[in-house]
Amino acid sequence: SGATKKFWLQDPVEFYSVNFGYGSGCNTFTAKDGEDHDLVSGNTYVSGTELTFTQTKKDGYTFVGWNTAADGSGSSLGTGSSYTVASLSADVNVYAIYTENKTAITINTDGHGTITTPSQNNSPYSLGVATTQAINATASDGYHWNTWTVSGTAALVSSASTQSNTVKGNGTDGGTGTVTATFTPNTYTVQFHRNGGTGTPVSQNFTYDAAQNLTANTYT
């Protein structure tokens, strides 16, 4: 008689897909299995695998939390700095969601010029560290460019002396700020002539739109 053979049936090994990602507000992001191996988004992993996702945010952003959709429209998975799947038993989608902190910034002038960029100055603008607004200003007659002054939670991309500039928020959520274009009045030198008289001609400096007494002369 032949030898008896024994067979054992094993449960089939199941694999599940793992997808993950993060938004522009992310500073660092790691995706690891239980043995500290890096995970690859879009790959499949054997059931029972432990998954851990960890993130830190950039300055100027708020971490909203983990979500099953890349745009944050799916199911919330929590708001901790890390998210763990203790034992993989289904397909997994994990995304770190961020919002950019916004500042309400008003753009104006000191009254001696006009804002030319943006052409429609619909202040205040909701701006963040990555959401910026180009600004420029033109002096009125009798004035010339001086500088931008900044108050509150606004920030200039270039130096304040740069007339064509860009303004953004400084990362403070819900803050307010003001950027003001300032101008300096022109000065003029007036030369007086004897017009046939005797004496020494003099010159005098005048500031635009400012009343000023004339210097006494010694003409005869």
Protein backbone atom coordinates (compact mmCIF):
# COMPACT_ATOMS: atom_id res chain seq x y z
CA SER A 1 0.00 0.00 0.00
CA GLY A 2 1.15 3.52 -0.71
CA ALA A 3 2.28 5.97 1.97
CA THR A 4 -0.29 8.36 3.33
CA LYS A 5 0.27 11.98 2.37
CA LYS A 6 -1.02 14.85 4.42
CA PHE A 7 -1.78 18.37 3.17
CA TRP A 8 -2.56 21.55 5.12
CA LEU A 9 -4.56 24.35 3.62
CA GLN A 10 -3.26 27.83 4.34
CA ASP A 11 -5.21 31.04 4.20
CA PRO A 12 -4.28 32.98 1.07
CA VAL A 13 -1.94 35.94 1.57
CA GLU A 14 -3.72 39.19 0.83
CA PHE A 15 -2.16 42.43 -0.33
CA TYR A 16 -3.59 45.93 -0.12
CA SER A 17 -2.67 49.13 -1.90
CA VAL A 18 -1.25 52.05 0.09
CA ASN A 19 -1.46 55.60 -1.26
CA PHE A 20 -0.26 58.69 0.56
CA GLY A 21 0.93 62.26 0.03
CA TYR A 22 1.04 65.77 1.42
CA GLY A 23 0.29 69.38 0.50
CA SER A 24 2.58 72.35 -0.11
CA GLY A 25 2.55 73.27 3.57
CA CYS A 26 4.55 70.17 4.47
CA ASN A 27 8.08 70.56 5.80
CA THR A 28 9.03 66.91 6.44
CA PHE A 29 7.13 63.68 5.75
CA THR A 30 7.94 60.04 6.43
CA ALA A 31 6.04 56.82 5.68
CA LYS A 32 7.39 53.69 7.37
CA ASP A 33 6.39 50.09 7.99
CA GLY A 34 6.76 48.34 11.34
CA GLU A 35 10.39 47.46 10.54
CA ASP A 36 11.26 51.09 9.73
CA HIS A 37 11.37 50.52 5.98
CA ASP A 38 10.27 53.36 3.72
CA LEU A 39 6.89 52.88 2.11
CA VAL A 40 6.27 53.71 -1.56
CA SER A 41 2.96 55.33 -2.45
CA GLY A 42 0.98 53.22 -4.92
CA ASN A 43 2.60 49.94 -3.92
CA THR A 44 0.80 46.99 -2.34
CA TYR A 45 1.71 45.53 1.06
CA VAL A 46 0.86 42.29 2.79
CA SER A 47 -2.04 42.24 5.22
CA GLY A 48 -1.04 42.76 8.82
CA THR A 49 1.71 45.27 7.98
CA GLU A 50 2.01 48.19 10.38
CA LEU A 51 2.10 51.63 8.74
CA THR A 52 3.15 54.93 10.31
CA PHE A 53 2.97 58.34 8.66
CA THR A 54 4.63 61.37 10.26
CA GLN A 55 4.72 65.04 9.21
CA THR A 56 5.89 68.49 10.26
CA LYS A 57 4.55 71.72 8.76
CA LYS A 58 6.26 74.73 7.23
CA ASP A 59 6.18 78.12 8.91
CA GLY A 60 3.16 80.09 7.76
CA TYR A 61 0.90 77.05 7.48
CA THR A 62 -1.51 75.21 9.75
CA PHE A 63 -1.70 71.42 9.78
CA VAL A 64 -5.39 70.56 9.36
CA GLY A 65 -5.01 66.80 9.79
CA TRP A 66 -4.93 63.49 7.97
CA ASN A 67 -7.54 62.74 5.32
CA THR A 68 -8.44 59.97 2.90
CA ALA A 69 -8.46 62.44 -0.05
CA ALA A 70 -5.57 64.55 -1.32
CA ASP A 71 -7.76 67.67 -1.43
CA GLY A 72 -9.10 67.15 2.09
CA SER A 73 -12.60 66.29 0.88
CA GLY A 74 -12.55 62.72 2.20
CA SER A 75 -12.85 61.28 5.69
CA SER A 76 -10.80 62.74 8.53
CA LEU A 77 -8.21 60.40 10.03
CA GLY A 78 -7.17 62.57 12.97
CA THR A 79 -5.10 65.67 13.66
CA GLY A 80 -2.03 64.30 15.43
CA SER A 81 1.44 64.80 14.02
CA SER A 82 1.49 61.11 13.07
CA TYR A 83 -1.04 58.54 11.88
CA THR A 84 -0.67 54.79 12.36
CA VAL A 85 -2.39 51.78 10.82
CA ALA A 86 -1.69 49.03 13.37
CA SER A 87 -2.48 46.13 11.02
CA LEU A 88 -3.15 46.57 7.32
CA SER A 89 -6.49 44.95 6.40
CA ALA A 90 -7.81 47.12 3.55
CA ASP A 91 -6.61 49.59 0.94
CA VAL A 92 -5.27 52.75 2.60
CA ASN A 93 -5.29 56.37 1.46
CA VAL A 94 -3.58 58.85 3.79
CA TYR A 95 -2.86 62.50 3.00
CA ALA A 96 -1.51 65.33 5.15
CA ILE A 97 -3.66 68.44 4.69
CA TYR A 98 -2.53 72.03 5.31
CA THR A 99 -3.91 75.53 5.00
CA GLU A 100 -1.88 78.65 4.37
CA ASN A 101 -2.18 81.22 7.14
CA LYS A 102 -3.62 84.44 5.69
CA THR A 103 -3.22 88.11 6.58
CA ALA A 104 -5.61 90.91 5.55
CA ILE A 105 -3.28 93.49 3.99
CA THR A 106 -4.34 97.00 2.96
CA ILE A 107 -2.36 98.84 0.26
CA ASN A 108 -2.51 102.64 0.19
CA THR A 109 -0.48 105.85 -0.25
CA ASP A 110 0.35 108.86 1.89
CA GLY A 111 -1.89 110.98 -0.35
CA HIS A 112 0.81 112.20 -2.74
CA GLY A 113 0.56 109.44 -5.33
CA THR A 114 -1.60 106.59 -6.61
CA ILE A 115 -1.43 102.81 -6.47
CA THR A 116 -0.87 101.63 -10.05
CA THR A 117 -0.41 97.93 -9.31
CA PRO A 118 -2.84 96.37 -8.67
CA SER A 119 -4.84 98.51 -11.09
CA GLN A 120 -8.00 97.93 -9.05
CA ASN A 121 -6.93 98.43 -5.44
CA ASN A 122 -9.52 96.22 -3.76
CA SER A 123 -7.85 96.23 -0.35
CA PRO A 124 -7.60 94.44 1.92
CA TYR A 125 -6.03 91.42 0.20
CA SER A 126 -5.93 88.00 1.85
CA LEU A 127 -2.26 87.09 1.57
CA GLY A 128 0.04 84.42 3.00
CA VAL A 129 3.69 83.40 2.77
CA ALA A 130 3.02 81.83 -0.64
CA THR A 131 0.09 83.98 -1.78
CA THR A 132 1.52 87.34 -2.82
CA GLN A 133 0.41 90.55 -4.52
CA ALA A 134 2.54 92.70 -6.84
CA ILE A 135 2.47 96.40 -5.89
CA ASN A 136 3.63 99.60 -7.53
CA ALA A 137 2.82 103.28 -7.08
CA THR A 138 3.20 106.49 -9.09
CA ALA A 139 3.99 109.91 -7.62
CA SER A 140 1.67 112.87 -8.10
CA ASP A 141 2.96 116.02 -9.84
CA GLY A 142 5.53 117.76 -7.67
CA TYR A 143 6.53 114.57 -5.81
CA HIS A 144 8.90 111.66 -6.33
CA TRP A 145 9.17 108.14 -4.95
CA ASN A 146 10.41 107.66 -1.39
CA THR A 147 9.70 104.26 0.21
CA TRP A 148 7.13 101.71 1.37
CA THR A 149 6.24 101.72 5.04
CA VAL A 150 4.94 98.52 6.62
CA SER A 151 2.85 98.01 9.73
CA GLY A 152 1.23 94.98 11.30
CA THR A 153 1.61 91.49 9.90
CA ALA A 154 2.62 92.38 6.34
CA ALA A 155 5.94 91.65 4.67
CA LEU A 156 7.69 92.95 1.56
CA VAL A 157 9.52 90.58 -0.76
CA SER A 158 12.12 93.18 -1.77
CA SER A 159 13.58 96.05 0.25
CA ALA A 160 11.24 98.90 1.22
CA SER A 161 13.04 101.24 -1.18
CA THR A 162 12.09 99.11 -4.21
CA GLN A 163 9.17 100.89 -5.89
CA SER A 164 7.99 97.87 -7.92
CA ASN A 165 7.58 95.32 -5.16
CA THR A 166 5.60 92.35 -3.90
CA VAL A 167 3.76 92.08 -0.60
CA LYS A 168 2.76 88.96 1.31
CA GLY A 169 1.59 87.89 4.75
CA ASN A 170 4.14 86.96 7.40
CA GLY A 171 2.41 83.70 8.31
CA THR A 172 0.19 85.02 11.11
CA ASP A 173 -3.28 83.58 10.63
CA GLY A 174 -6.00 86.21 10.93
CA GLY A 175 -3.55 89.09 11.25
CA THR A 176 -3.81 92.49 9.60
CA GLY A 177 -1.24 94.75 8.00
CA THR A 178 -0.84 97.91 5.97
CA VAL A 179 1.64 98.80 3.25
CA THR A 180 1.84 102.51 2.41
CA ALA A 181 3.60 104.13 -0.53
CA THR A 182 5.27 107.37 0.57
CA PHE A 183 6.56 110.20 -1.58
CA THR A 184 8.85 113.19 -1.10
CA PRO A 185 8.08 116.68 -2.45
CA ASN A 186 10.42 117.95 -5.14
CA THR A 187 12.75 120.85 -4.40
CA TYR A 188 13.59 123.62 -6.85
CA THR A 189 16.32 126.21 -7.03
CA VAL A 190 15.23 129.70 -8.15
CA GLN A 191 17.88 132.10 -9.40
CA PHE A 192 17.10 135.82 -9.08
CA HIS A 193 18.58 138.31 -11.58
CA ARG A 194 19.44 142.00 -11.22
CA ASN A 195 17.46 142.93 -14.33
CA GLY A 196 19.70 145.98 -14.90
CA GLY A 197 20.13 146.87 -11.22
CA THR A 198 23.22 146.56 -9.09
CA GLY A 199 23.99 144.04 -6.39
CA THR A 200 24.80 140.34 -6.10
CA PRO A 201 22.27 137.90 -7.57
CA VAL A 202 21.10 135.24 -5.10
CA SER A 203 19.44 131.83 -5.45
CA GLN A 204 16.94 130.21 -3.13
CA ASN A 205 15.64 126.65 -2.72
CA PHE A 206 11.90 126.00 -2.66
CA THR A 207 9.89 122.88 -1.76
CA TYR A 208 6.89 121.96 -3.87
CA ASP A 209 3.56 123.13 -2.45
CA ALA A 210 5.18 124.72 0.59
CA ALA A 211 4.81 128.43 1.34
CA GLN A 212 8.14 130.15 1.88
CA ASN A 213 9.33 133.73 2.36
CA LEU A 214 11.69 135.25 -0.16
CA THR A 215 15.18 136.11 0.97
CA ALA A 216 15.67 139.87 1.27
CA ASN A 217 17.80 141.26 -1.54
CA THR A 218 20.20 144.21 -1.73
CA TYR A 219 19.53 145.26 -5.28
CA THR A 220 19.46 148.96 -6.07
